[in-house]
Protein backbone atom coordinates (compact mmCIF):
# COMPACT_ATOMS: atom_id res chain seq x y z
CA UNK A 1 0.14 -15.87 -10.93
CA UNK A 2 -3.21 -15.08 -12.53
CA UNK A 3 -6.55 -13.57 -11.62
CA UNK A 4 -8.84 -10.78 -12.73
CA UNK A 5 -9.04 -7.09 -12.02
CA UNK A 6 -11.76 -6.15 -9.56
CA UNK A 7 -12.54 -2.92 -11.40
CA UNK A 8 -12.10 -3.91 -15.04
CA UNK A 9 -13.03 -7.59 -14.81
CA UNK A 10 -10.20 -8.39 -17.22
CA UNK A 11 -8.05 -11.50 -16.84
CA UNK A 12 -4.52 -10.61 -15.82
CA UNK A 13 -1.22 -12.43 -15.39
CA UNK A 14 1.47 -11.13 -13.04
CA UNK A 15 5.05 -12.31 -12.56
CA UNK A 16 7.72 -11.20 -10.10
CA UNK A 17 11.21 -10.97 -11.63
CA UNK A 18 14.52 -10.30 -9.84
CA UNK A 19 16.14 -6.89 -10.25
CA UNK A 20 19.61 -5.50 -9.64
CA UNK A 21 20.55 -3.41 -6.61
CA UNK A 22 19.23 0.16 -6.46
CA UNK A 23 16.77 -0.38 -9.33
CA UNK A 24 13.75 -0.20 -7.03
CA UNK A 25 10.28 -1.55 -7.75
CA UNK A 26 9.26 -1.27 -11.41
CA UNK A 27 6.10 -2.39 -13.19
CA UNK A 28 6.56 -3.66 -16.75
CA UNK A 29 3.53 -3.68 -19.08
CA UNK A 30 4.22 -6.78 -21.16
CA UNK A 31 1.00 -6.32 -23.15
CA UNK A 32 2.18 -3.06 -24.76
CA UNK A 33 4.75 -2.46 -27.53
CA UNK A 34 8.21 -1.87 -26.11
CA UNK A 35 7.14 -3.18 -22.67
CA UNK A 36 6.96 0.28 -21.03
CA UNK A 37 8.27 0.56 -17.48
CA UNK A 38 6.52 2.41 -14.66
CA UNK A 39 8.50 3.05 -11.49
CA UNK A 40 6.78 2.68 -8.14
CA UNK A 41 7.48 6.24 -7.12
CA UNK A 42 5.28 8.90 -5.52
CA UNK A 43 6.06 11.19 -8.48
CA UNK A 44 4.13 8.78 -10.74
CA UNK A 45 1.02 8.58 -8.57
CA UNK A 46 -2.17 10.20 -9.83
CA UNK A 47 -5.38 10.88 -7.91
CA UNK A 48 -8.17 8.36 -8.32
CA UNK A 49 -11.01 6.73 -6.37
CA UNK A 50 -10.51 3.75 -4.05
CA UNK A 51 -7.15 2.63 -5.43
CA UNK A 52 -3.57 3.68 -6.14
CA UNK A 53 -2.69 4.33 -9.78
CA UNK A 54 0.74 5.05 -11.24
CA UNK A 55 1.34 6.70 -14.63
CA UNK A 56 4.56 7.26 -16.57
CA UNK A 57 4.72 8.51 -20.17
CA UNK A 58 0.94 7.97 -20.46
CA UNK A 59 1.22 4.29 -19.48
CA UNK A 60 -0.59 3.24 -16.30
CA UNK A 61 -0.84 0.48 -13.72
CA UNK A 62 -3.78 0.43 -11.31
CA UNK A 63 -4.66 -0.99 -7.91
CA UNK A 64 -1.00 -1.49 -7.15
CA UNK A 65 -1.24 -0.98 -3.38
CA UNK A 66 -1.67 -4.66 -2.46
CA UNK A 67 1.30 -5.76 -4.57
CA UNK A 68 3.47 -2.95 -3.20
CA UNK A 69 2.36 -3.76 0.34
CA UNK A 70 3.47 -7.38 -0.03
CA UNK A 71 6.90 -6.31 -1.30
CA UNK A 72 7.35 -3.67 1.41
CA UNK A 73 6.10 -5.98 4.14
CA UNK A 74 8.67 -8.59 3.10
CA UNK A 75 11.40 -5.93 2.76
CA UNK A 76 11.96 -6.56 -0.93
CA UNK A 77 13.08 -3.28 -2.45
CA UNK A 78 14.31 -4.35 -5.91
CA UNK A 79 11.87 -6.19 -8.16
CA UNK A 80 10.35 -6.09 -11.63
CA UNK A 81 6.62 -6.80 -11.77
CA UNK A 82 5.63 -8.02 -15.23
CA UNK A 83 1.91 -7.63 -15.87
CA UNK A 84 -0.22 -7.96 -19.02
CA UNK A 85 -2.99 -5.54 -18.07
CA UNK A 86 -3.18 -2.12 -16.44
CA UNK A 87 -4.95 -3.45 -13.33
CA UNK A 88 -3.36 -5.88 -10.89
CA UNK A 89 -5.21 -9.13 -10.10
CA UNK A 90 -7.53 -8.67 -7.13
CA UNK A 91 -7.13 -12.29 -5.90
CA UNK A 92 -9.04 -12.46 -2.58
CA UNK A 93 -8.77 -8.74 -1.87
CA UNK A 94 -5.70 -9.12 0.34
CA UNK A 95 -1.92 -9.38 -0.16
CA UNK A 96 -1.49 -12.97 0.97
CA UNK A 97 -1.43 -14.40 -2.57
CA UNK A 98 1.41 -12.08 -3.52
CA UNK A 99 3.25 -12.93 -0.30
CA UNK A 100 2.99 -16.67 -0.96
CA UNK A 101 4.29 -16.21 -4.52
CA UNK A 102 7.25 -14.17 -3.27
CA UNK A 103 7.99 -16.68 -0.53
CA UNK A 104 7.96 -19.49 -3.10
CA UNK A 105 10.39 -17.58 -5.34
CA UNK A 106 12.67 -16.60 -2.45
CA UNK A 107 14.74 -13.47 -2.10
CA UNK A 108 18.44 -12.68 -2.37
CA UNK A 109 20.44 -10.20 -0.32
CA UNK A 110 22.18 -7.72 -2.61
CA UNK A 111 25.46 -5.92 -2.08
CA UNK A 112 23.91 -2.50 -1.44
CA UNK A 113 22.83 -0.39 1.51
CA UNK A 114 19.12 0.11 2.20
CA UNK A 115 18.28 3.79 2.40
CA UNK A 116 16.21 5.05 5.33
CA UNK A 117 13.82 7.99 5.57
CA UNK A 118 13.22 9.14 9.14
CA UNK A 119 10.39 11.21 10.54
CA UNK A 120 12.09 14.24 12.11
CA UNK A 121 9.06 16.38 13.04
CA UNK A 122 5.67 15.56 14.51
CA UNK A 123 2.87 16.63 12.19
CA UNK A 124 -0.81 15.85 11.66
CA UNK A 125 -2.04 15.71 8.05
CA UNK A 126 -5.75 15.92 7.23
CA UNK A 127 -8.69 17.33 9.19
CA UNK A 128 -10.92 16.37 12.11
CA UNK A 129 -12.78 13.81 9.99
CA UNK A 130 -9.71 11.92 8.72
CA UNK A 131 -6.05 12.36 9.58
CA UNK A 132 -2.63 10.79 9.92
CA UNK A 133 -0.19 11.92 12.59
CA UNK A 134 3.49 11.24 12.02
CA UNK A 135 6.14 11.44 14.73
CA UNK A 136 9.74 10.33 15.33
CA UNK A 137 10.03 6.77 16.63
CA UNK A 138 11.87 6.43 19.92
CA UNK A 139 13.04 2.89 19.14
CA UNK A 140 14.06 3.62 15.52
CA UNK A 141 11.35 1.34 14.10
CA UNK A 142 8.40 1.57 11.71
CA UNK A 143 5.35 1.84 13.99
CA UNK A 144 1.80 1.84 12.66
CA UNK A 145 -1.59 2.38 14.28
CA UNK A 146 -5.00 2.51 12.60
CA UNK A 147 -8.28 3.72 14.08
CA UNK A 148 -11.39 2.84 12.08
CA UNK A 149 -14.84 4.19 12.89
CA UNK A 150 -18.09 3.42 11.07
CA UNK A 151 -20.62 4.95 13.52
CA UNK A 152 -23.60 4.29 11.24
CA UNK A 153 -22.66 0.70 10.46
CA UNK A 154 -22.66 -1.52 13.53
CA UNK A 155 -21.31 -4.57 11.70
CA UNK A 156 -17.99 -2.72 11.28
CA UNK A 157 -18.17 -0.14 14.06
CA UNK A 158 -14.95 0.94 15.74
CA UNK A 159 -11.80 -1.07 15.08
CA UNK A 160 -8.17 -0.65 16.06
CA UNK A 161 -4.83 -2.26 15.21
CA UNK A 162 -1.25 -1.31 15.94
CA UNK A 163 2.11 -2.94 15.42
CA UNK A 164 5.81 -2.45 14.91
CA UNK A 165 6.30 -3.67 11.38
CA UNK A 166 8.44 -6.77 10.84
CA UNK A 167 8.35 -9.13 7.89
CA UNK A 168 7.12 -12.05 9.98
CA UNK A 169 4.29 -10.08 11.60
CA UNK A 170 3.31 -8.56 8.27
CA UNK A 171 2.89 -11.97 6.67
CA UNK A 172 0.87 -13.34 9.60
CA UNK A 173 -1.07 -10.33 10.83
CA UNK A 174 -1.57 -7.97 7.88
CA UNK A 175 -1.22 -9.73 4.51
CA UNK A 176 -4.39 -11.89 4.89
CA UNK A 177 -6.65 -8.87 5.66
CA UNK A 178 -9.08 -8.26 2.79
CA UNK A 179 -10.61 -5.30 1.02
CA UNK A 180 -14.09 -4.40 2.26
CA UNK A 181 -17.07 -2.40 1.00
CA UNK A 182 -20.61 -1.79 2.19
CA UNK A 183 -23.40 -3.51 0.30
CA UNK A 184 -24.76 -0.12 -0.76
CA UNK A 185 -21.34 0.81 -2.15
CA UNK A 186 -21.10 -2.50 -4.03
CA UNK A 187 -24.52 -1.89 -5.60
CA UNK A 188 -23.49 1.57 -6.74
CA UNK A 189 -20.22 0.31 -8.22
CA UNK A 190 -22.06 -2.32 -10.24
CA UNK A 191 -24.58 0.29 -11.38
CA UNK A 192 -21.58 2.27 -12.65
CA UNK A 193 -20.38 -0.75 -14.63
CA UNK A 194 -17.56 -1.68 -12.22
CA UNK A 195 -16.86 -4.91 -10.35
CA UNK A 196 -19.16 -7.03 -12.50
CA UNK A 197 -17.13 -10.21 -11.90
CA UNK A 198 -16.61 -9.67 -8.18
CA UNK A 199 -18.60 -11.94 -5.88
CA UNK A 200 -19.05 -12.19 -2.12
CA UNK A 201 -16.16 -14.68 -1.89
CA UNK A 202 -13.70 -12.33 -3.59
CA UNK A 203 -13.69 -9.67 -0.85
CA UNK A 204 -15.74 -8.57 2.16
CA UNK A 205 -19.13 -7.03 1.40
CA UNK A 206 -20.89 -5.88 4.57
CA UNK A 207 -24.61 -5.55 5.17
CA UNK A 208 -26.00 -4.50 8.55
CA UNK A 209 -25.30 -7.96 10.02
CA UNK A 210 -21.74 -8.54 8.81
CA UNK A 211 -19.94 -9.90 5.74
CA UNK A 212 -22.33 -11.44 3.22
CA UNK A 213 -21.65 -15.13 2.47
CA UNK A 214 -18.19 -14.81 3.99
CA UNK A 215 -16.40 -14.94 7.34
CA UNK A 216 -13.91 -12.61 8.97
CA UNK A 217 -10.31 -13.71 9.38
CA UNK A 218 -9.86 -11.26 12.26
CA UNK A 219 -12.37 -9.33 14.38
CA UNK A 220 -10.66 -6.12 13.22
CA UNK A 221 -9.92 -7.23 9.66
CA UNK A 222 -11.09 -3.92 8.19
CA UNK A 223 -8.61 -1.90 10.28
CA UNK A 224 -5.83 -4.34 9.38
CA UNK A 225 -6.59 -3.98 5.69
CA UNK A 226 -6.41 -0.20 5.96
CA UNK A 227 -2.94 -0.67 7.47
CA UNK A 228 -2.06 -3.00 4.58
CA UNK A 229 -2.93 -0.16 2.20
CA UNK A 230 -0.88 2.32 4.23
CA UNK A 231 2.20 0.12 3.98
CA UNK A 232 1.79 -0.20 0.21
CA UNK A 233 1.19 3.50 -0.35
CA UNK A 234 4.03 4.57 1.95
CA UNK A 235 6.43 2.33 -0.01
CA UNK A 236 6.20 4.82 -2.89
CA UNK A 237 8.88 6.79 -1.05
CA UNK A 238 11.35 4.15 -2.24
CA UNK A 239 13.21 3.66 1.06
CA UNK A 240 12.82 2.07 4.46
CA UNK A 241 10.90 4.25 6.92
CA UNK A 242 11.59 4.99 10.57
CA UNK A 243 8.79 6.73 12.42
CA UNK A 244 5.46 6.39 14.18
CA UNK A 245 2.24 6.73 12.15
CA UNK A 246 -1.23 6.97 13.67
CA UNK A 247 -4.13 7.07 11.21
CA UNK A 248 -7.81 7.82 11.71
CA UNK A 249 -10.33 6.98 8.98
CA UNK A 250 -7.84 7.64 6.18
CA UNK A 251 -7.33 6.31 2.67
CA UNK A 252 -5.02 6.47 -0.32
CA UNK A 253 -5.13 10.26 -0.74
CA UNK A 254 -3.87 11.05 2.75
CA UNK A 255 -1.38 8.19 2.56
CA UNK A 256 0.19 9.86 -0.46
CA UNK A 257 0.29 13.22 1.33
CA UNK A 258 2.26 11.59 4.13
CA UNK A 259 4.88 10.43 1.60
CA UNK A 260 5.19 13.99 0.30
CA UNK A 261 5.64 15.26 3.87
CA UNK A 262 8.32 12.63 4.55
CA UNK A 263 10.21 13.76 1.47
CA UNK A 264 9.97 17.37 2.62
CA UNK A 265 11.32 16.52 6.07
CA UNK A 266 14.13 14.46 4.54
CA UNK A 267 15.10 17.33 2.22
CA UNK A 268 15.06 19.80 5.13
CA UNK A 269 17.24 17.50 7.23
CA UNK A 270 19.74 17.10 4.37
CA UNK A 271 19.88 20.85 3.82
CA UNK A 272 20.47 21.45 7.52
CA UNK A 273 23.29 18.90 7.59
CA UNK A 274 24.94 20.52 4.59
CA UNK A 275 24.59 23.94 6.20
CA UNK A 276 26.23 22.68 9.39
CA UNK A 277 29.11 21.25 7.36
CA UNK A 278 29.62 24.58 5.61
CA UNK A 279 29.69 26.41 8.96
CA UNK A 280 32.21 23.93 10.36
CA UNK A 281 34.48 24.22 7.33
CA UNK A 282 34.38 28.02 7.53
């Protein structure tokens, strides 16, 4: 599949390739000598504005959250993503194009067990202005809730969406939700030399009356897209997730902090289990 990067404006080609069990999700930069590989792992994430960027051995891939969201939403956990630029194609600002490509290719069940990371402790990450609360899930599922609030922008206003994540619901209810920006933000980005090729049909640009030269796919499309990003960012943990996640006005930075907290809780739970085994053997 082909498109252009929203930030760079460069043409980019992306291909999904099958991978063996337990290899995880790996980006392969086919434009560079030696085709360097960058694992989709929280350890490779670096801080950056408005997108998720991964770096390994000084090689980077950018705006990976929509691709990762499509893979996680469809429960594909082994895949090579061959790409000939650093930035992923923006397509229409959603994940639906990636989902359709993956559905066309099909998926194969591998002879391996899917690992699970469970939330074991309730914790709120962030501050009063933006936070994510994580808690154990009573029904052993992956539950997501997003609360969006733009008090000074009536066209967006308050939005809410919640769901128990399944592949079918992801493809129908989350994947088509598009990236959005305010018109003032879009003007500033262009003034900074970014997004020069992006038009009103490529994503949602809101003025005070609503999306400019575009129409919403859902009344709460902005909240759904924020959930799409959460799913992609959370997938950097590299396992299935069981827990309940409630987010308020959050973005990529807090999403990554949740992954770090999940890893901490998982490590603590493993250490406790090992300690219990030592006590029993004694």
